[in-house]
Amino acid sequence: MEKGETVVVTVHGRAIAELGPVRAPALARQHSRLGALVLAGVVRPPLEAGDPTAGWDGRFET
């Protein structure tokens, strides 16, 4: 399975499971810093599409 192969587990000839390589979420395949954090399990992918920082000037209100 190290070469990306998929193995089908059967019981009495009936497929019950499939083992294969982990497929990275689309966000992680973008080679972004956020994608790397998602793959590492540090953050969760966003629920909505778009840039959450759009229109933000980079300052925090105190």
Protein backbone atom coordinates (compact mmCIF):
# COMPACT_ATOMS: atom_id res chain seq x y z
CA MET A 1 0.00 0.00 0.00
CA GLU A 2 3.00 2.31 0.21
CA LYS A 3 2.78 2.93 -3.52
CA GLY A 4 -0.77 4.30 -3.41
CA GLU A 5 -2.48 0.96 -3.93
CA THR A 6 -5.98 0.27 -2.63
CA VAL A 7 -6.94 -2.99 -0.89
CA VAL A 8 -10.53 -4.21 -0.75
CA VAL A 9 -11.48 -6.25 2.34
CA THR A 10 -14.07 -8.94 1.68
CA VAL A 11 -16.14 -11.33 3.80
CA HIS A 12 -17.46 -14.36 1.94
CA GLY A 13 -16.76 -12.59 -1.35
CA ARG A 14 -18.63 -9.41 -0.40
CA ALA A 15 -16.65 -6.15 -0.17
CA ILE A 16 -17.01 -4.61 3.30
CA ALA A 17 -14.14 -2.13 3.46
CA GLU A 18 -11.51 -0.43 1.39
CA LEU A 19 -8.03 0.54 2.57
CA GLY A 20 -5.97 3.03 0.65
CA PRO A 21 -3.85 6.15 0.78
CA VAL A 22 -5.15 9.14 2.70
CA ARG A 23 -6.64 11.71 0.40
CA ALA A 24 -5.82 15.23 1.48
CA PRO A 25 -8.64 17.77 1.57
CA ALA A 26 -8.76 20.12 -1.40
CA LEU A 27 -7.60 23.01 0.77
CA ALA A 28 -4.47 21.14 1.83
CA ARG A 29 -3.56 20.33 -1.77
CA GLN A 30 -3.16 24.04 -2.50
CA HIS A 31 0.34 24.02 -0.94
CA SER A 32 -0.63 26.83 1.36
CA ARG A 33 0.39 27.47 4.92
CA LEU A 34 -3.22 27.01 6.00
CA GLY A 35 -3.37 23.74 4.07
CA ALA A 36 -0.32 22.44 5.93
CA LEU A 37 -1.93 23.35 9.27
CA VAL A 38 -5.13 21.53 8.26
CA LEU A 39 -3.15 18.40 7.37
CA ALA A 40 -1.29 18.56 10.68
CA GLY A 41 -4.59 18.77 12.55
CA VAL A 42 -3.74 22.13 14.10
CA VAL A 43 -6.73 23.92 12.55
CA ARG A 44 -9.96 22.88 10.87
CA PRO A 45 -10.74 23.89 7.29
CA PRO A 46 -13.10 26.85 6.88
CA LEU A 47 -16.81 26.16 6.60
CA GLU A 48 -17.34 28.83 3.95
CA ALA A 49 -15.41 29.72 0.81
CA GLY A 50 -13.67 33.07 0.48
CA ASP A 51 -11.06 35.10 2.26
CA PRO A 52 -12.01 35.68 5.90
CA THR A 53 -9.57 38.58 6.10
CA ALA A 54 -10.99 40.48 3.10
CA GLY A 55 -11.50 44.09 4.09
CA TRP A 56 -9.47 43.74 7.30
CA ASP A 57 -6.74 46.32 7.76
CA GLY A 58 -4.64 44.06 10.00
CA ARG A 59 -5.35 45.91 13.25
CA PHE A 60 -7.15 44.53 16.27
CA GLU A 61 -9.58 46.59 18.31
CA THR A 62 -8.87 46.68 22.02
